[in-house]
Amino acid sequence: MSPDKKSQTMKPLTAANKLGIYLPATPEEFQNSPITRAEVDALRETPPSWLEELRRTGPFPRDVVAQKLGVSNAGLARGGVSDAMTEDQIAELDADPPEWLVRERASYIEVQKDNARIKADREAKRAASNRPAKNR
């Protein structure tokens, strides 16, 4: 790589996704200009106050909301959640969970259990197929 080669940039939405933040809540200068990988790394290492505040209070993108609530993104959609949420909104839902949230959490736990069982089965089959054949 030659030293005069231009740094690779990404769209603000991609950078926001990599940082786990909701793009419309970021400062305008972040939203309106391409960002280099080095700049994203610098934001991760030494986040400015606006980034720390977004990470602490939100609003959070849907995937982060789903993770905080312990449901899937599809579960959020089934529950009618289509927008980003703040930490206070998430805490409010958590304190008095509606029926859809209780149902989606239970479903999500079952899916995780099934995925773990399937993974264990695959690993057991893989380990069994790697054993040397017994001498007869």
C-alpha atoms as a PDB file:
ATOM      1  CA  MET A   1       0.000   0.000   0.000  1.00  0.00           C
ATOM      2  CA  SER A   2       1.485   3.306  -1.000  1.00  0.00           C
ATOM      3  CA  PRO A   3       1.526   6.121   1.568  1.00  0.00           C
ATOM      4  CA  ASP A   4      -0.453   8.467  -0.695  1.00  0.00           C
ATOM      5  CA  LYS A   5      -3.382   6.044  -0.984  1.00  0.00           C
ATOM      6  CA  LYS A   6      -6.698   7.549   0.102  1.00  0.00           C
ATOM      7  CA  SER A   7      -8.275   6.242   3.331  1.00  0.00           C
ATOM      8  CA  GLN A   8     -11.347   4.097   2.906  1.00  0.00           C
ATOM      9  CA  THR A   9     -14.508   5.890   3.972  1.00  0.00           C
ATOM     10  CA  MET A  10     -17.965   4.727   4.925  1.00  0.00           C
ATOM     11  CA  LYS A  11     -21.390   6.284   4.915  1.00  0.00           C
ATOM     12  CA  PRO A  12     -22.568   7.823   8.182  1.00  0.00           C
ATOM     13  CA  LEU A  13     -25.231   5.115   8.563  1.00  0.00           C
ATOM     14  CA  THR A  14     -22.582   2.391   8.352  1.00  0.00           C
ATOM     15  CA  ALA A  15     -20.425   4.192  10.907  1.00  0.00           C
ATOM     16  CA  ALA A  16     -23.421   4.631  13.222  1.00  0.00           C
ATOM     17  CA  ASN A  17     -24.204   0.910  12.936  1.00  0.00           C
ATOM     18  CA  LYS A  18     -20.606   0.031  13.774  1.00  0.00           C
ATOM     19  CA  LEU A  19     -20.811   2.298  16.831  1.00  0.00           C
ATOM     20  CA  GLY A  20     -24.235   0.932  17.848  1.00  0.00           C
ATOM     21  CA  ILE A  21     -25.924   4.336  17.776  1.00  0.00           C
ATOM     22  CA  TYR A  22     -29.026   5.819  16.163  1.00  0.00           C
ATOM     23  CA  LEU A  23     -27.931   8.028  13.254  1.00  0.00           C
ATOM     24  CA  PRO A  24     -30.709  10.683  13.450  1.00  0.00           C
ATOM     25  CA  ALA A  25     -29.642  11.399  17.059  1.00  0.00           C
ATOM     26  CA  THR A  26     -26.039  12.179  16.092  1.00  0.00           C
ATOM     27  CA  PRO A  27     -24.680  15.681  15.409  1.00  0.00           C
ATOM     28  CA  GLU A  28     -25.261  17.031  11.898  1.00  0.00           C
ATOM     29  CA  GLU A  29     -21.567  16.965  11.018  1.00  0.00           C
ATOM     30  CA  PHE A  30     -21.520  13.219  11.734  1.00  0.00           C
ATOM     31  CA  GLN A  31     -24.670  12.662   9.656  1.00  0.00           C
ATOM     32  CA  ASN A  32     -23.533  14.665   6.643  1.00  0.00           C
ATOM     33  CA  SER A  33     -19.976  13.559   5.914  1.00  0.00           C
ATOM     34  CA  PRO A  34     -18.212  10.307   5.080  1.00  0.00           C
ATOM     35  CA  ILE A  35     -16.207   8.806   7.939  1.00  0.00           C
ATOM     36  CA  THR A  36     -12.941   6.906   7.691  1.00  0.00           C
ATOM     37  CA  ARG A  37     -12.217   3.672   9.499  1.00  0.00           C
ATOM     38  CA  ALA A  38      -9.557   5.507  11.501  1.00  0.00           C
ATOM     39  CA  GLU A  39     -12.141   8.054  12.629  1.00  0.00           C
ATOM     40  CA  VAL A  40     -14.527   5.297  13.741  1.00  0.00           C
ATOM     41  CA  ASP A  41     -11.682   3.634  15.651  1.00  0.00           C
ATOM     42  CA  ALA A  42     -10.835   6.969  17.281  1.00  0.00           C
ATOM     43  CA  LEU A  43     -14.490   7.450  18.287  1.00  0.00           C
ATOM     44  CA  ARG A  44     -14.455   3.989  19.875  1.00  0.00           C
ATOM     45  CA  GLU A  45     -11.226   4.629  21.775  1.00  0.00           C
ATOM     46  CA  THR A  46     -11.978   8.149  22.993  1.00  0.00           C
ATOM     47  CA  PRO A  47     -15.681   8.845  22.529  1.00  0.00           C
ATOM     48  CA  PRO A  48     -16.756  12.495  22.582  1.00  0.00           C
ATOM     49  CA  SER A  49     -19.411  13.549  25.110  1.00  0.00           C
ATOM     50  CA  TRP A  50     -22.247  13.323  22.555  1.00  0.00           C
ATOM     51  CA  LEU A  51     -21.363   9.691  21.823  1.00  0.00           C
ATOM     52  CA  GLU A  52     -21.110   8.789  25.512  1.00  0.00           C
ATOM     53  CA  GLU A  53     -24.515  10.396  26.115  1.00  0.00           C
ATOM     54  CA  LEU A  54     -26.097   8.507  23.182  1.00  0.00           C
ATOM     55  CA  ARG A  55     -24.692   5.228  24.446  1.00  0.00           C
ATOM     56  CA  ARG A  56     -25.975   5.936  27.953  1.00  0.00           C
ATOM     57  CA  THR A  57     -29.461   7.343  27.316  1.00  0.00           C
ATOM     58  CA  GLY A  58     -30.255   6.747  23.635  1.00  0.00           C
ATOM     59  CA  PRO A  59     -32.236   6.863  21.553  1.00  0.00           C
ATOM     60  CA  PHE A  60     -31.025   3.424  20.562  1.00  0.00           C
ATOM     61  CA  PRO A  61     -31.419   1.707  17.183  1.00  0.00           C
ATOM     62  CA  ARG A  62     -33.870  -1.183  17.023  1.00  0.00           C
ATOM     63  CA  ASP A  63     -31.253  -3.927  17.279  1.00  0.00           C
ATOM     64  CA  VAL A  64     -29.949  -2.419  20.527  1.00  0.00           C
ATOM     65  CA  VAL A  65     -33.520  -1.991  21.828  1.00  0.00           C
ATOM     66  CA  ALA A  66     -34.210  -5.664  21.049  1.00  0.00           C
ATOM     67  CA  GLN A  67     -31.048  -6.717  22.870  1.00  0.00           C
ATOM     68  CA  LYS A  68     -31.862  -4.590  25.921  1.00  0.00           C
ATOM     69  CA  LEU A  69     -35.405  -5.988  26.072  1.00  0.00           C
ATOM     70  CA  GLY A  70     -34.288  -9.590  25.506  1.00  0.00           C
ATOM     71  CA  VAL A  71     -36.266 -10.145  22.307  1.00  0.00           C
ATOM     72  CA  SER A  72     -35.572 -10.482  18.597  1.00  0.00           C
ATOM     73  CA  ASN A  73     -35.925  -7.668  16.061  1.00  0.00           C
ATOM     74  CA  ALA A  74     -38.910  -9.541  14.638  1.00  0.00           C
ATOM     75  CA  GLY A  75     -40.383  -9.691  18.145  1.00  0.00           C
ATOM     76  CA  LEU A  76     -40.155  -5.915  18.383  1.00  0.00           C
ATOM     77  CA  ALA A  77     -41.981  -5.603  15.071  1.00  0.00           C
ATOM     78  CA  ARG A  78     -44.682  -8.025  16.220  1.00  0.00           C
ATOM     79  CA  GLY A  79     -45.015  -5.909  19.369  1.00  0.00           C
ATOM     80  CA  GLY A  80     -45.542  -2.786  17.292  1.00  0.00           C
ATOM     81  CA  VAL A  81     -42.183  -1.163  18.089  1.00  0.00           C
ATOM     82  CA  SER A  82     -40.921   0.455  14.923  1.00  0.00           C
ATOM     83  CA  ASP A  83     -38.914   3.397  16.217  1.00  0.00           C
ATOM     84  CA  ALA A  84     -35.787   3.906  18.241  1.00  0.00           C
ATOM     85  CA  MET A  85     -36.267   4.085  21.998  1.00  0.00           C
ATOM     86  CA  THR A  86     -34.557   5.897  24.849  1.00  0.00           C
ATOM     87  CA  GLU A  87     -33.263   4.271  28.014  1.00  0.00           C
ATOM     88  CA  ASP A  88     -36.245   5.696  29.929  1.00  0.00           C
ATOM     89  CA  GLN A  89     -38.734   4.185  27.471  1.00  0.00           C
ATOM     90  CA  ILE A  90     -36.991   0.813  27.694  1.00  0.00           C
ATOM     91  CA  ALA A  91     -36.980   0.980  31.516  1.00  0.00           C
ATOM     92  CA  GLU A  92     -40.686   1.812  31.480  1.00  0.00           C
ATOM     93  CA  LEU A  93     -41.436  -1.251  29.334  1.00  0.00           C
ATOM     94  CA  ASP A  94     -39.195  -3.372  31.539  1.00  0.00           C
ATOM     95  CA  ALA A  95     -40.876  -2.197  34.752  1.00  0.00           C
ATOM     96  CA  ASP A  96     -44.377  -3.089  33.563  1.00  0.00           C
ATOM     97  CA  PRO A  97     -43.958  -5.429  30.582  1.00  0.00           C
ATOM     98  CA  PRO A  98     -46.939  -5.635  28.244  1.00  0.00           C
ATOM     99  CA  GLU A  99     -48.251  -9.039  27.225  1.00  0.00           C
ATOM    100  CA  TRP A 100     -46.445  -9.001  23.866  1.00  0.00           C
ATOM    101  CA  LEU A 101     -43.092  -8.429  25.603  1.00  0.00           C
ATOM    102  CA  VAL A 102     -43.586 -11.299  28.034  1.00  0.00           C
ATOM    103  CA  ARG A 103     -44.615 -13.567  25.135  1.00  0.00           C
ATOM    104  CA  GLU A 104     -41.692 -12.484  22.915  1.00  0.00           C
ATOM    105  CA  ARG A 105     -39.148 -12.934  25.715  1.00  0.00           C
ATOM    106  CA  ALA A 106     -40.380 -16.473  26.322  1.00  0.00           C
ATOM    107  CA  SER A 107     -40.261 -17.215  22.604  1.00  0.00           C
ATOM    108  CA  TYR A 108     -36.755 -15.756  22.314  1.00  0.00           C
ATOM    109  CA  ILE A 109     -35.512 -17.889  25.217  1.00  0.00           C
ATOM    110  CA  GLU A 110     -36.932 -21.023  23.580  1.00  0.00           C
ATOM    111  CA  VAL A 111     -35.280 -20.160  20.263  1.00  0.00           C
ATOM    112  CA  GLN A 112     -31.946 -19.659  22.050  1.00  0.00           C
ATOM    113  CA  LYS A 113     -32.335 -23.032  23.792  1.00  0.00           C
ATOM    114  CA  ASP A 114     -33.106 -24.730  20.481  1.00  0.00           C
ATOM    115  CA  ASN A 115     -30.125 -23.074  18.819  1.00  0.00           C
ATOM    116  CA  ALA A 116     -27.841 -24.206  21.662  1.00  0.00           C
ATOM    117  CA  ARG A 117     -29.189 -27.781  21.406  1.00  0.00           C
ATOM    118  CA  ILE A 118     -28.686 -27.830  17.622  1.00  0.00           C
ATOM    119  CA  LYS A 119     -25.153 -26.484  18.002  1.00  0.00           C
ATOM    120  CA  ALA A 120     -24.337 -29.133  20.628  1.00  0.00           C
ATOM    121  CA  ASP A 121     -25.751 -31.880  18.392  1.00  0.00           C
ATOM    122  CA  ARG A 122     -23.653 -30.688  15.454  1.00  0.00           C
ATOM    123  CA  GLU A 123     -20.519 -30.544  17.597  1.00  0.00           C
ATOM    124  CA  ALA A 124     -21.181 -34.051  18.915  1.00  0.00           C
ATOM    125  CA  LYS A 125     -21.649 -35.390  15.379  1.00  0.00           C
ATOM    126  CA  ARG A 126     -18.501 -33.600  14.225  1.00  0.00           C
ATOM    127  CA  ALA A 127     -16.514 -35.014  17.145  1.00  0.00           C
ATOM    128  CA  ALA A 128     -17.874 -38.519  16.462  1.00  0.00           C
ATOM    129  CA  SER A 129     -16.911 -38.348  12.798  1.00  0.00           C
ATOM    130  CA  ASN A 130     -13.366 -37.280  13.707  1.00  0.00           C
ATOM    131  CA  ARG A 131     -12.727 -40.290  15.965  1.00  0.00           C
ATOM    132  CA  PRO A 132     -10.420 -42.936  14.531  1.00  0.00           C
ATOM    133  CA  ALA A 133     -12.064 -46.226  13.610  1.00  0.00           C
ATOM    134  CA  LYS A 134     -11.722 -49.049  16.158  1.00  0.00           C
ATOM    135  CA  ASN A 135      -9.530 -52.010  15.252  1.00  0.00           C
ATOM    136  CA  ARG A 136     -11.510 -55.184  14.692  1.00  0.00           C
END
